[in-house]
Each structure stands twice: as structure tokens, then as C-alpha cells.
Amino acid sequence: MLKSPKKEEKSFWTLIIGASVTAILASTCCLAPLLFLLFGVSVGSLSFLQFFAPYKIYFTIAAVVIISYLWGNYFFVLRKKHVCEGSICKNYLKYLTLGTIFVVIMLTYPYWVIYLIGD
């Protein structure tokens, strides 16, 4: 059974947003304090974000699974379609690439940001 273009577009955006949100949640323990530190704002009030630290691995896994599903959908389903309908289908690769880059940056920044800001 084929999905309608509108339903397919809604599903795609739901998954991209889900991957982005889980990537942000995976990095909340470090991202907000870093941003506030860079802009000179006190970070004492952000201690509540440490609540997410034990769940970082689960959020990371969720983001990777969602992005992997979207790439699998692109390679095994959408590329085999003879006719591409709707704007999401025509721009799927562009949106998916941008979403993947965002998720990768959010998931890996705690490891490389220390080289940017120094000690």
C-alpha cells in the first residue's frame, strides 16, 4: 500500500524533528552551559539540565536509529520510485543531509568543542 505524498511528507518531518530533538536532549548536559559561558551569562541556574545526563546514551541511540531509518527509506524505497511527487520527495536528499549534519554536530560536539575553546 502506497502512502499519499502528504502523509509521506508528514512522516518525514516527524522523523527529522524527532532525530533533532533527541540529539539536542543527548547534548543538553553540555551545550547550554557552553553557550551561556561563551556569551558571559551565569550558568548556575542550568544545573537542572544534569537530569538528562544519565539518559544521554538512550537519546543518542534514538537519534542514530531515526536517521538510519530515514537513510534506509531513501536508498531502498524512494530511489526506486519512478515518479517523484510532492516537494518533500524532490528535496528529500537535501533535507535529510542537512538533518543528518545537524544531528552529527549535536551528538559529537562535546568531544571536539574543547579544542575550539581551549582550557
N, C-alpha and C. Protein backbone atom coordinates (compact mmCIF):
# COMPACT_ATOMS: atom_id res chain seq x y z
N MET A 1 0.83 -1.18 0.00
CA MET A 1 0.00 0.00 0.00
C MET A 1 0.88 1.25 0.00
N LEU A 2 0.66 2.13 -0.95
CA LEU A 2 1.45 3.34 -1.08
C LEU A 2 0.88 4.45 -0.22
N LYS A 3 1.76 5.22 0.36
CA LYS A 3 1.35 6.37 1.16
C LYS A 3 1.10 7.55 0.23
N SER A 4 0.20 8.42 0.62
CA SER A 4 -0.02 9.63 -0.15
C SER A 4 1.17 10.57 0.07
N PRO A 5 1.42 11.47 -0.88
CA PRO A 5 2.55 12.41 -0.72
C PRO A 5 2.45 13.25 0.55
N LYS A 6 1.25 13.67 0.93
CA LYS A 6 1.10 14.47 2.15
C LYS A 6 1.44 13.66 3.39
N LYS A 7 1.00 12.42 3.42
CA LYS A 7 1.27 11.55 4.57
C LYS A 7 2.77 11.24 4.65
N GLU A 8 3.39 11.05 3.48
CA GLU A 8 4.82 10.78 3.42
C GLU A 8 5.61 12.00 3.91
N GLU A 9 5.17 13.19 3.51
CA GLU A 9 5.83 14.42 3.94
C GLU A 9 5.71 14.61 5.44
N LYS A 10 4.54 14.36 5.99
CA LYS A 10 4.31 14.49 7.42
C LYS A 10 5.19 13.50 8.19
N SER A 11 5.28 12.28 7.70
CA SER A 11 6.10 11.25 8.34
C SER A 11 7.58 11.64 8.32
N PHE A 12 8.04 12.16 7.18
CA PHE A 12 9.44 12.56 7.06
C PHE A 12 9.78 13.66 8.06
N TRP A 13 8.95 14.70 8.12
CA TRP A 13 9.23 15.82 9.02
C TRP A 13 9.14 15.40 10.48
N THR A 14 8.23 14.49 10.79
CA THR A 14 8.13 13.99 12.15
C THR A 14 9.41 13.27 12.55
N LEU A 15 9.95 12.47 11.66
CA LEU A 15 11.18 11.74 11.96
C LEU A 15 12.39 12.66 12.05
N ILE A 16 12.49 13.63 11.16
CA ILE A 16 13.62 14.58 11.21
C ILE A 16 13.57 15.38 12.51
N ILE A 17 12.39 15.84 12.89
CA ILE A 17 12.26 16.59 14.14
C ILE A 17 12.56 15.70 15.32
N GLY A 18 12.11 14.45 15.27
CA GLY A 18 12.40 13.50 16.35
C GLY A 18 13.89 13.26 16.51
N ALA A 19 14.60 13.10 15.40
CA ALA A 19 16.05 12.90 15.47
C ALA A 19 16.75 14.14 16.01
N SER A 20 16.31 15.30 15.59
CA SER A 20 16.92 16.55 16.06
C SER A 20 16.68 16.76 17.55
N VAL A 21 15.47 16.51 18.00
CA VAL A 21 15.15 16.70 19.42
C VAL A 21 15.95 15.72 20.28
N THR A 22 16.04 14.46 19.86
CA THR A 22 16.80 13.50 20.65
C THR A 22 18.29 13.85 20.65
N ALA A 23 18.80 14.38 19.55
CA ALA A 23 20.20 14.81 19.53
C ALA A 23 20.42 15.99 20.47
N ILE A 24 19.49 16.91 20.49
CA ILE A 24 19.60 18.06 21.42
C ILE A 24 19.54 17.57 22.86
N LEU A 25 18.60 16.67 23.14
CA LEU A 25 18.50 16.13 24.50
C LEU A 25 19.76 15.37 24.91
N ALA A 26 20.38 14.68 23.96
CA ALA A 26 21.61 13.95 24.27
C ALA A 26 22.75 14.89 24.62
N SER A 27 22.69 16.12 24.13
CA SER A 27 23.78 17.05 24.38
C SER A 27 23.42 18.15 25.38
N THR A 28 22.26 18.08 26.02
CA THR A 28 21.85 19.15 26.92
C THR A 28 22.75 19.31 28.13
N CYS A 29 23.37 18.24 28.56
CA CYS A 29 24.20 18.36 29.75
C CYS A 29 25.40 19.27 29.51
N CYS A 30 25.77 19.47 28.27
CA CYS A 30 26.97 20.25 27.97
C CYS A 30 26.71 21.48 27.11
N LEU A 31 25.71 21.45 26.25
CA LEU A 31 25.51 22.52 25.29
C LEU A 31 25.09 23.84 25.93
N ALA A 32 24.07 23.81 26.74
CA ALA A 32 23.58 25.06 27.34
C ALA A 32 24.64 25.74 28.19
N PRO A 33 25.33 25.04 29.08
CA PRO A 33 26.38 25.72 29.85
C PRO A 33 27.47 26.30 28.96
N LEU A 34 27.80 25.60 27.87
CA LEU A 34 28.82 26.12 26.97
C LEU A 34 28.35 27.41 26.31
N LEU A 35 27.13 27.44 25.82
CA LEU A 35 26.62 28.64 25.16
C LEU A 35 26.55 29.81 26.13
N PHE A 36 26.06 29.57 27.33
CA PHE A 36 25.98 30.65 28.30
C PHE A 36 27.37 31.12 28.72
N LEU A 37 28.31 30.22 28.81
CA LEU A 37 29.68 30.59 29.14
C LEU A 37 30.28 31.44 28.03
N LEU A 38 30.04 31.07 26.79
CA LEU A 38 30.56 31.85 25.67
C LEU A 38 29.98 33.25 25.63
N PHE A 39 28.72 33.41 26.02
CA PHE A 39 28.08 34.71 25.98
C PHE A 39 28.14 35.45 27.31
N GLY A 40 28.85 34.90 28.29
CA GLY A 40 29.10 35.59 29.54
C GLY A 40 27.95 35.60 30.53
N VAL A 41 27.08 34.64 30.46
CA VAL A 41 25.94 34.57 31.38
C VAL A 41 26.24 33.51 32.42
N SER A 42 25.79 33.71 33.64
CA SER A 42 26.00 32.74 34.70
C SER A 42 25.29 31.44 34.37
N VAL A 43 25.93 30.31 34.66
CA VAL A 43 25.36 29.01 34.33
C VAL A 43 24.86 28.27 35.56
N GLY A 44 24.84 28.90 36.70
CA GLY A 44 24.39 28.24 37.92
C GLY A 44 22.95 27.76 37.86
N SER A 45 22.11 28.50 37.15
CA SER A 45 20.70 28.12 37.06
C SER A 45 20.45 26.98 36.10
N LEU A 46 21.46 26.56 35.37
CA LEU A 46 21.28 25.48 34.40
C LEU A 46 21.63 24.10 34.96
N SER A 47 21.79 24.01 36.25
CA SER A 47 22.16 22.72 36.83
C SER A 47 21.07 21.68 36.68
N PHE A 48 19.83 22.13 36.44
CA PHE A 48 18.75 21.16 36.25
C PHE A 48 18.94 20.33 34.99
N LEU A 49 19.76 20.78 34.04
CA LEU A 49 19.99 20.03 32.81
C LEU A 49 20.80 18.76 33.05
N GLN A 50 21.46 18.65 34.19
CA GLN A 50 22.19 17.43 34.52
C GLN A 50 21.24 16.25 34.70
N PHE A 51 19.95 16.55 34.84
CA PHE A 51 18.95 15.50 34.94
C PHE A 51 18.99 14.59 33.71
N PHE A 52 19.34 15.14 32.54
CA PHE A 52 19.37 14.38 31.30
C PHE A 52 20.65 13.58 31.11
N ALA A 53 21.68 13.85 31.87
CA ALA A 53 22.98 13.20 31.67
C ALA A 53 22.92 11.67 31.70
N PRO A 54 22.21 11.04 32.63
CA PRO A 54 22.18 9.57 32.63
C PRO A 54 21.47 8.97 31.41
N TYR A 55 20.66 9.77 30.74
CA TYR A 55 19.89 9.28 29.60
C TYR A 55 20.54 9.62 28.26
N LYS A 56 21.74 10.15 28.29
CA LYS A 56 22.41 10.59 27.07
C LYS A 56 22.54 9.45 26.06
N ILE A 57 22.91 8.27 26.51
CA ILE A 57 23.10 7.15 25.59
C ILE A 57 21.79 6.76 24.92
N TYR A 58 20.67 6.84 25.64
CA TYR A 58 19.38 6.49 25.06
C TYR A 58 18.94 7.51 24.00
N PHE A 59 19.17 8.78 24.29
CA PHE A 59 18.85 9.82 23.31
C PHE A 59 19.74 9.70 22.08
N THR A 60 21.01 9.38 22.30
CA THR A 60 21.93 9.21 21.19
C THR A 60 21.50 8.04 20.31
N ILE A 61 21.17 6.93 20.93
CA ILE A 61 20.72 5.75 20.17
C ILE A 61 19.46 6.07 19.39
N ALA A 62 18.52 6.77 20.02
CA ALA A 62 17.27 7.13 19.34
C ALA A 62 17.54 8.01 18.12
N ALA A 63 18.42 8.99 18.25
CA ALA A 63 18.73 9.88 17.13
C ALA A 63 19.39 9.09 15.99
N VAL A 64 20.31 8.20 16.33
CA VAL A 64 21.01 7.41 15.30
C VAL A 64 20.04 6.45 14.61
N VAL A 65 19.15 5.84 15.37
CA VAL A 65 18.18 4.92 14.78
C VAL A 65 17.24 5.66 13.83
N ILE A 66 16.77 6.83 14.23
CA ILE A 66 15.85 7.58 13.37
C ILE A 66 16.54 8.03 12.09
N ILE A 67 17.74 8.56 12.20
CA ILE A 67 18.47 8.99 11.00
C ILE A 67 18.78 7.79 10.10
N SER A 68 19.16 6.66 10.70
CA SER A 68 19.44 5.46 9.91
C SER A 68 18.18 4.99 9.18
N TYR A 69 17.05 5.04 9.85
CA TYR A 69 15.78 4.65 9.21
C TYR A 69 15.49 5.55 8.02
N LEU A 70 15.68 6.87 8.19
CA LEU A 70 15.41 7.80 7.09
C LEU A 70 16.34 7.56 5.91
N TRP A 71 17.62 7.28 6.17
CA TRP A 71 18.55 6.98 5.07
C TRP A 71 18.17 5.66 4.39
N GLY A 72 17.79 4.67 5.18
CA GLY A 72 17.34 3.40 4.60
C GLY A 72 16.11 3.58 3.75
N ASN A 73 15.18 4.39 4.22
CA ASN A 73 13.97 4.69 3.45
C ASN A 73 14.34 5.36 2.13
N TYR A 74 15.31 6.26 2.16
CA TYR A 74 15.73 6.93 0.93
C TYR A 74 16.35 5.95 -0.05
N PHE A 75 17.29 5.13 0.40
CA PHE A 75 18.01 4.24 -0.51
C PHE A 75 17.18 3.06 -0.99
N PHE A 76 16.30 2.53 -0.14
CA PHE A 76 15.59 1.31 -0.51
C PHE A 76 14.16 1.52 -0.98
N VAL A 77 13.60 2.70 -0.76
CA VAL A 77 12.21 2.93 -1.17
C VAL A 77 12.12 4.09 -2.16
N LEU A 78 12.55 5.26 -1.76
CA LEU A 78 12.33 6.45 -2.58
C LEU A 78 13.14 6.46 -3.87
N ARG A 79 14.34 5.96 -3.84
CA ARG A 79 15.15 5.97 -5.07
C ARG A 79 14.59 5.01 -6.11
N LYS A 80 13.80 4.03 -5.70
CA LYS A 80 13.25 3.07 -6.63
C LYS A 80 11.93 3.53 -7.25
N LYS A 81 11.39 4.63 -6.75
CA LYS A 81 10.16 5.18 -7.33
C LYS A 81 10.48 5.77 -8.70
N HIS A 82 9.60 5.52 -9.63
CA HIS A 82 9.81 6.07 -10.98
C HIS A 82 9.33 7.51 -11.07
N VAL A 83 8.31 7.83 -10.31
CA VAL A 83 7.75 9.17 -10.33
C VAL A 83 7.85 9.74 -8.93
N CYS A 84 8.41 10.92 -8.84
CA CYS A 84 8.55 11.57 -7.54
C CYS A 84 7.50 12.67 -7.44
N GLU A 85 6.60 12.54 -6.46
CA GLU A 85 5.52 13.51 -6.29
C GLU A 85 5.75 14.34 -5.03
N GLY A 86 5.43 15.59 -5.11
CA GLY A 86 5.49 16.46 -3.94
C GLY A 86 6.86 17.06 -3.72
N SER A 87 6.87 18.14 -2.97
CA SER A 87 8.13 18.86 -2.74
C SER A 87 9.07 18.08 -1.83
N ILE A 88 8.51 17.31 -0.89
CA ILE A 88 9.38 16.58 0.04
C ILE A 88 10.16 15.50 -0.71
N CYS A 89 9.54 14.89 -1.66
CA CYS A 89 10.21 13.84 -2.43
C CYS A 89 11.34 14.42 -3.28
N LYS A 90 11.09 15.57 -3.85
CA LYS A 90 12.10 16.21 -4.71
C LYS A 90 13.29 16.71 -3.90
N ASN A 91 13.06 17.16 -2.68
CA ASN A 91 14.12 17.71 -1.84
C ASN A 91 14.53 16.80 -0.69
N TYR A 92 14.13 15.56 -0.73
CA TYR A 92 14.35 14.63 0.37
C TYR A 92 15.83 14.53 0.72
N LEU A 93 16.66 14.34 -0.27
CA LEU A 93 18.10 14.17 -0.03
C LEU A 93 18.71 15.42 0.60
N LYS A 94 18.30 16.59 0.14
CA LYS A 94 18.83 17.84 0.70
C LYS A 94 18.43 17.99 2.17
N TYR A 95 17.14 17.78 2.47
CA TYR A 95 16.67 17.89 3.85
C TYR A 95 17.29 16.83 4.74
N LEU A 96 17.41 15.64 4.23
CA LEU A 96 17.98 14.55 5.02
C LEU A 96 19.46 14.80 5.30
N THR A 97 20.18 15.31 4.34
CA THR A 97 21.60 15.62 4.55
C THR A 97 21.77 16.73 5.59
N LEU A 98 20.97 17.78 5.49
CA LEU A 98 21.05 18.87 6.49
C LEU A 98 20.67 18.37 7.88
N GLY A 99 19.63 17.56 7.96
CA GLY A 99 19.23 16.99 9.25
C GLY A 99 20.31 16.10 9.84
N THR A 100 20.94 15.30 8.99
CA THR A 100 22.00 14.40 9.45
C THR A 100 23.21 15.20 9.95
N ILE A 101 23.57 16.24 9.23
CA ILE A 101 24.69 17.09 9.66
C ILE A 101 24.40 17.72 11.01
N PHE A 102 23.17 18.22 11.19
CA PHE A 102 22.79 18.82 12.48
C PHE A 102 22.88 17.79 13.60
N VAL A 103 22.36 16.60 13.37
CA VAL A 103 22.38 15.55 14.40
C VAL A 103 23.81 15.15 14.73
N VAL A 104 24.65 15.02 13.72
CA VAL A 104 26.05 14.64 13.97
C VAL A 104 26.77 15.73 14.77
N ILE A 105 26.54 16.98 14.43
CA ILE A 105 27.17 18.08 15.18
C ILE A 105 26.70 18.06 16.63
N MET A 106 25.41 17.90 16.85
CA MET A 106 24.87 17.91 18.21
C MET A 106 25.37 16.72 19.03
N LEU A 107 25.55 15.58 18.39
CA LEU A 107 25.97 14.39 19.14
C LEU A 107 27.47 14.36 19.41
N THR A 108 28.26 15.00 18.54
CA THR A 108 29.71 14.90 18.69
C THR A 108 30.38 16.14 19.27
N TYR A 109 29.63 17.23 19.41
CA TYR A 109 30.31 18.46 19.82
C TYR A 109 30.98 18.38 21.18
N PRO A 110 30.49 17.62 22.17
CA PRO A 110 31.23 17.60 23.45
C PRO A 110 32.66 17.08 23.31
N TYR A 111 32.92 16.33 22.26
CA TYR A 111 34.24 15.74 22.08
C TYR A 111 35.20 16.66 21.34
N TRP A 112 34.71 17.53 20.47
CA TRP A 112 35.62 18.40 19.72
C TRP A 112 35.57 19.86 20.13
N VAL A 113 34.56 20.27 20.92
CA VAL A 113 34.47 21.67 21.30
C VAL A 113 35.60 22.10 22.24
N ILE A 114 36.17 21.17 22.99
CA ILE A 114 37.26 21.55 23.89
C ILE A 114 38.47 22.06 23.14
N TYR A 115 38.61 21.65 21.87
CA TYR A 115 39.72 22.15 21.06
C TYR A 115 39.44 23.56 20.56
N LEU A 116 38.17 23.92 20.46
CA LEU A 116 37.82 25.27 20.00
C LEU A 116 37.95 26.32 21.10
N ILE A 117 37.53 25.97 22.32
CA ILE A 117 37.55 26.96 23.40
C ILE A 117 38.81 26.89 24.25
N GLY A 118 39.58 25.83 24.10
CA GLY A 118 40.81 25.71 24.90
C GLY A 118 40.52 25.39 26.34
N ASP A 119 41.53 25.46 27.17
CA ASP A 119 41.37 25.14 28.60
C ASP A 119 41.06 26.33 29.41
